[in-house]
Amino acid sequence: KAALARIGASRASRVSLVFITIDPDRDRGSVLRPYVRSFVRNATALRTTDDHRLRAVADAFGADYSVTKLADGDEEVSHTRTISAVDD
């Protein structure tokens, strides 16, 4: 959001922001989309339950993630904090 504000409205209008969840079991569309759009109103929220597909995308961007079930039943979600820019 801050980066888009810094580049100005004209250039920001050419940027598409996409957020991909690594925790699709908890990040349902009804929660994920409003969350992502609370930062950037026209952002796209993506989720898949196909871990092979998600891993392929993460690998392509040099990102990593894990969702681990703890002994008490809770889940621990870890991921790299990465923002990637892709041009046309």
N, C-alpha and C. Protein backbone atom coordinates (compact mmCIF):
# COMPACT_ATOMS: atom_id res chain seq x y z
N LYS A 1 0.83 -1.19 0.00
CA LYS A 1 0.00 0.00 0.00
C LYS A 1 0.88 1.25 0.00
N ALA A 2 1.90 1.24 0.82
CA ALA A 2 2.80 2.39 0.91
C ALA A 2 3.57 2.57 -0.40
N ALA A 3 4.01 1.46 -1.00
CA ALA A 3 4.76 1.55 -2.25
C ALA A 3 3.88 2.11 -3.37
N LEU A 4 2.64 1.68 -3.42
CA LEU A 4 1.72 2.19 -4.44
C LEU A 4 1.47 3.68 -4.26
N ALA A 5 1.38 4.11 -3.03
CA ALA A 5 1.19 5.55 -2.76
C ALA A 5 2.43 6.34 -3.19
N ARG A 6 3.60 5.77 -3.00
CA ARG A 6 4.84 6.48 -3.35
C ARG A 6 5.03 6.64 -4.84
N ILE A 7 4.53 5.71 -5.65
CA ILE A 7 4.76 5.81 -7.09
C ILE A 7 3.71 6.67 -7.79
N GLY A 8 2.68 7.05 -7.09
CA GLY A 8 1.67 7.93 -7.67
C GLY A 8 0.53 7.16 -8.33
N ALA A 9 -0.62 7.80 -8.40
CA ALA A 9 -1.84 7.16 -8.88
C ALA A 9 -1.72 6.65 -10.31
N SER A 10 -1.07 7.42 -11.18
CA SER A 10 -0.96 7.03 -12.58
C SER A 10 -0.21 5.71 -12.74
N ARG A 11 0.94 5.61 -12.11
CA ARG A 11 1.72 4.38 -12.21
C ARG A 11 1.09 3.26 -11.38
N ALA A 12 0.53 3.60 -10.23
CA ALA A 12 -0.10 2.59 -9.37
C ALA A 12 -1.27 1.92 -10.08
N SER A 13 -1.94 2.64 -10.96
CA SER A 13 -3.09 2.06 -11.67
C SER A 13 -2.66 0.94 -12.62
N ARG A 14 -1.37 0.86 -12.93
CA ARG A 14 -0.85 -0.19 -13.81
C ARG A 14 -0.36 -1.41 -13.04
N VAL A 15 -0.48 -1.37 -11.72
CA VAL A 15 0.00 -2.46 -10.86
C VAL A 15 -1.17 -3.33 -10.42
N SER A 16 -0.97 -4.63 -10.54
CA SER A 16 -1.94 -5.60 -10.02
C SER A 16 -1.31 -6.30 -8.83
N LEU A 17 -1.96 -6.21 -7.70
CA LEU A 17 -1.44 -6.84 -6.50
C LEU A 17 -2.16 -8.17 -6.30
N VAL A 18 -1.38 -9.24 -6.09
CA VAL A 18 -1.94 -10.57 -5.88
C VAL A 18 -1.35 -11.13 -4.58
N PHE A 19 -2.23 -11.60 -3.70
CA PHE A 19 -1.84 -12.22 -2.44
C PHE A 19 -2.23 -13.69 -2.52
N ILE A 20 -1.28 -14.58 -2.25
CA ILE A 20 -1.55 -16.02 -2.30
C ILE A 20 -1.41 -16.58 -0.89
N THR A 21 -2.48 -17.18 -0.38
CA THR A 21 -2.40 -17.75 0.97
C THR A 21 -1.69 -19.10 0.95
N ILE A 22 -1.02 -19.38 2.05
CA ILE A 22 -0.39 -20.69 2.22
C ILE A 22 -1.19 -21.53 3.22
N ASP A 23 -2.29 -20.96 3.71
CA ASP A 23 -3.11 -21.63 4.72
C ASP A 23 -4.57 -21.67 4.26
N PRO A 24 -4.85 -22.42 3.17
CA PRO A 24 -6.20 -22.41 2.60
C PRO A 24 -7.28 -23.00 3.50
N ASP A 25 -6.87 -23.83 4.47
CA ASP A 25 -7.88 -24.42 5.36
C ASP A 25 -8.54 -23.35 6.22
N ARG A 26 -7.76 -22.37 6.65
CA ARG A 26 -8.32 -21.30 7.49
C ARG A 26 -8.63 -20.04 6.68
N ASP A 27 -7.90 -19.81 5.61
CA ASP A 27 -8.10 -18.60 4.80
C ASP A 27 -9.12 -18.87 3.70
N ARG A 28 -10.35 -18.96 4.08
CA ARG A 28 -11.44 -19.17 3.11
C ARG A 28 -11.67 -17.88 2.34
N GLY A 29 -12.28 -17.99 1.17
CA GLY A 29 -12.52 -16.81 0.33
C GLY A 29 -13.30 -15.72 1.02
N SER A 30 -14.26 -16.10 1.86
CA SER A 30 -15.09 -15.12 2.55
C SER A 30 -14.30 -14.29 3.55
N VAL A 31 -13.18 -14.80 4.01
CA VAL A 31 -12.31 -14.09 4.95
C VAL A 31 -11.12 -13.47 4.21
N LEU A 32 -10.55 -14.23 3.29
CA LEU A 32 -9.32 -13.83 2.63
C LEU A 32 -9.48 -12.58 1.77
N ARG A 33 -10.49 -12.55 0.95
CA ARG A 33 -10.68 -11.41 0.05
C ARG A 33 -10.83 -10.08 0.80
N PRO A 34 -11.73 -9.99 1.79
CA PRO A 34 -11.84 -8.73 2.53
C PRO A 34 -10.54 -8.35 3.26
N TYR A 35 -9.82 -9.35 3.77
CA TYR A 35 -8.56 -9.09 4.45
C TYR A 35 -7.56 -8.44 3.49
N VAL A 36 -7.37 -9.06 2.35
CA VAL A 36 -6.41 -8.54 1.37
C VAL A 36 -6.84 -7.16 0.87
N ARG A 37 -8.11 -7.00 0.63
CA ARG A 37 -8.62 -5.71 0.12
C ARG A 37 -8.65 -4.62 1.19
N SER A 38 -8.44 -4.98 2.43
CA SER A 38 -8.32 -3.95 3.47
C SER A 38 -7.00 -3.20 3.32
N PHE A 39 -6.06 -3.79 2.63
CA PHE A 39 -4.77 -3.15 2.36
C PHE A 39 -4.80 -2.41 1.03
N VAL A 40 -5.22 -3.10 -0.03
CA VAL A 40 -5.30 -2.52 -1.37
C VAL A 40 -6.65 -2.93 -1.94
N ARG A 41 -7.51 -1.95 -2.19
CA ARG A 41 -8.92 -2.24 -2.47
C ARG A 41 -9.18 -3.08 -3.71
N ASN A 42 -8.30 -3.07 -4.68
CA ASN A 42 -8.54 -3.88 -5.89
C ASN A 42 -7.58 -5.08 -5.99
N ALA A 43 -7.02 -5.47 -4.86
CA ALA A 43 -6.09 -6.61 -4.84
C ALA A 43 -6.84 -7.91 -5.10
N THR A 44 -6.09 -8.88 -5.59
CA THR A 44 -6.64 -10.20 -5.85
C THR A 44 -6.13 -11.18 -4.79
N ALA A 45 -7.03 -11.96 -4.22
CA ALA A 45 -6.68 -12.98 -3.23
C ALA A 45 -6.81 -14.35 -3.89
N LEU A 46 -5.76 -15.14 -3.80
CA LEU A 46 -5.77 -16.48 -4.40
C LEU A 46 -5.55 -17.54 -3.33
N ARG A 47 -6.21 -18.67 -3.52
CA ARG A 47 -5.98 -19.82 -2.65
C ARG A 47 -6.18 -21.10 -3.45
N THR A 48 -5.43 -22.11 -3.06
CA THR A 48 -5.59 -23.43 -3.65
C THR A 48 -5.39 -24.46 -2.55
N THR A 49 -6.06 -25.57 -2.68
CA THR A 49 -5.85 -26.67 -1.74
C THR A 49 -4.90 -27.71 -2.33
N ASP A 50 -4.38 -27.43 -3.51
CA ASP A 50 -3.42 -28.31 -4.18
C ASP A 50 -2.01 -27.90 -3.76
N ASP A 51 -1.45 -28.61 -2.78
CA ASP A 51 -0.14 -28.22 -2.24
C ASP A 51 0.97 -28.30 -3.29
N HIS A 52 0.88 -29.21 -4.25
CA HIS A 52 1.91 -29.31 -5.29
C HIS A 52 1.92 -28.04 -6.14
N ARG A 53 0.76 -27.55 -6.44
CA ARG A 53 0.63 -26.30 -7.22
C ARG A 53 1.16 -25.10 -6.44
N LEU A 54 0.77 -25.04 -5.17
CA LEU A 54 1.22 -23.94 -4.32
C LEU A 54 2.74 -23.98 -4.15
N ARG A 55 3.28 -25.16 -3.95
CA ARG A 55 4.74 -25.31 -3.78
C ARG A 55 5.46 -24.88 -5.06
N ALA A 56 4.92 -25.20 -6.22
CA ALA A 56 5.55 -24.82 -7.48
C ALA A 56 5.60 -23.30 -7.62
N VAL A 57 4.53 -22.63 -7.25
CA VAL A 57 4.52 -21.16 -7.32
C VAL A 57 5.50 -20.58 -6.31
N ALA A 58 5.50 -21.09 -5.09
CA ALA A 58 6.43 -20.60 -4.08
C ALA A 58 7.87 -20.79 -4.53
N ASP A 59 8.18 -21.95 -5.06
CA ASP A 59 9.53 -22.22 -5.54
C ASP A 59 9.94 -21.27 -6.67
N ALA A 60 9.00 -20.97 -7.56
CA ALA A 60 9.30 -20.07 -8.67
C ALA A 60 9.68 -18.68 -8.19
N PHE A 61 9.17 -18.29 -7.03
CA PHE A 61 9.46 -16.96 -6.49
C PHE A 61 10.50 -17.01 -5.36
N GLY A 62 11.07 -18.17 -5.10
CA GLY A 62 12.08 -18.29 -4.06
C GLY A 62 11.51 -18.15 -2.66
N ALA A 63 10.25 -18.48 -2.50
CA ALA A 63 9.59 -18.38 -1.20
C ALA A 63 9.48 -19.77 -0.59
N ASP A 64 9.28 -19.81 0.72
CA ASP A 64 9.10 -21.08 1.41
C ASP A 64 8.00 -20.93 2.45
N TYR A 65 7.38 -22.03 2.82
CA TYR A 65 6.31 -22.01 3.81
C TYR A 65 6.15 -23.38 4.44
N SER A 66 5.51 -23.40 5.60
CA SER A 66 5.14 -24.66 6.24
C SER A 66 3.93 -24.40 7.13
N VAL A 67 3.06 -25.39 7.20
CA VAL A 67 1.93 -25.39 8.12
C VAL A 67 2.06 -26.67 8.92
N THR A 68 2.31 -26.53 10.22
CA THR A 68 2.59 -27.67 11.07
C THR A 68 1.50 -27.82 12.12
N LYS A 69 0.97 -29.02 12.27
CA LYS A 69 -0.03 -29.31 13.30
C LYS A 69 0.71 -29.56 14.61
N LEU A 70 0.37 -28.79 15.64
CA LEU A 70 1.02 -28.93 16.94
C LEU A 70 0.31 -30.00 17.78
N ALA A 71 0.96 -30.45 18.84
CA ALA A 71 0.41 -31.51 19.69
C ALA A 71 -0.95 -31.14 20.28
N ASP A 72 -1.15 -29.83 20.55
CA ASP A 72 -2.43 -29.40 21.14
C ASP A 72 -3.53 -29.19 20.10
N GLY A 73 -3.23 -29.48 18.82
CA GLY A 73 -4.21 -29.35 17.76
C GLY A 73 -4.15 -28.03 17.00
N ASP A 74 -3.47 -27.05 17.57
CA ASP A 74 -3.29 -25.78 16.88
C ASP A 74 -2.35 -25.98 15.69
N GLU A 75 -2.34 -24.99 14.81
CA GLU A 75 -1.42 -25.02 13.68
C GLU A 75 -0.44 -23.88 13.78
N GLU A 76 0.79 -24.15 13.40
CA GLU A 76 1.82 -23.12 13.33
C GLU A 76 2.11 -22.87 11.85
N VAL A 77 1.95 -21.63 11.43
CA VAL A 77 2.16 -21.26 10.03
C VAL A 77 3.42 -20.42 9.94
N SER A 78 4.35 -20.83 9.11
CA SER A 78 5.61 -20.10 8.91
C SER A 78 5.79 -19.86 7.42
N HIS A 79 6.36 -18.71 7.08
CA HIS A 79 6.62 -18.41 5.67
C HIS A 79 7.64 -17.30 5.55
N THR A 80 8.30 -17.27 4.41
CA THR A 80 9.20 -16.17 4.12
C THR A 80 8.33 -14.94 3.88
N ARG A 81 8.88 -13.79 4.13
CA ARG A 81 8.17 -12.54 3.87
C ARG A 81 8.74 -11.95 2.60
N THR A 82 8.02 -12.21 1.54
CA THR A 82 8.52 -11.86 0.22
C THR A 82 7.51 -11.03 -0.54
N ILE A 83 8.00 -9.99 -1.19
CA ILE A 83 7.20 -9.24 -2.16
C ILE A 83 7.97 -9.34 -3.47
N SER A 84 7.29 -9.77 -4.50
CA SER A 84 7.94 -9.93 -5.79
C SER A 84 7.27 -9.02 -6.80
N ALA A 85 8.06 -8.45 -7.67
CA ALA A 85 7.54 -7.63 -8.76
C ALA A 85 7.79 -8.38 -10.06
N VAL A 86 6.75 -8.47 -10.88
CA VAL A 86 6.83 -9.15 -12.17
C VAL A 86 6.36 -8.18 -13.23
N ASP A 87 7.16 -7.97 -14.25
CA ASP A 87 6.72 -7.06 -15.31
C ASP A 87 6.01 -7.83 -16.41
N ASP A 88 5.56 -7.08 -17.42
CA ASP A 88 4.82 -7.70 -18.51
C ASP A 88 5.60 -8.83 -19.14
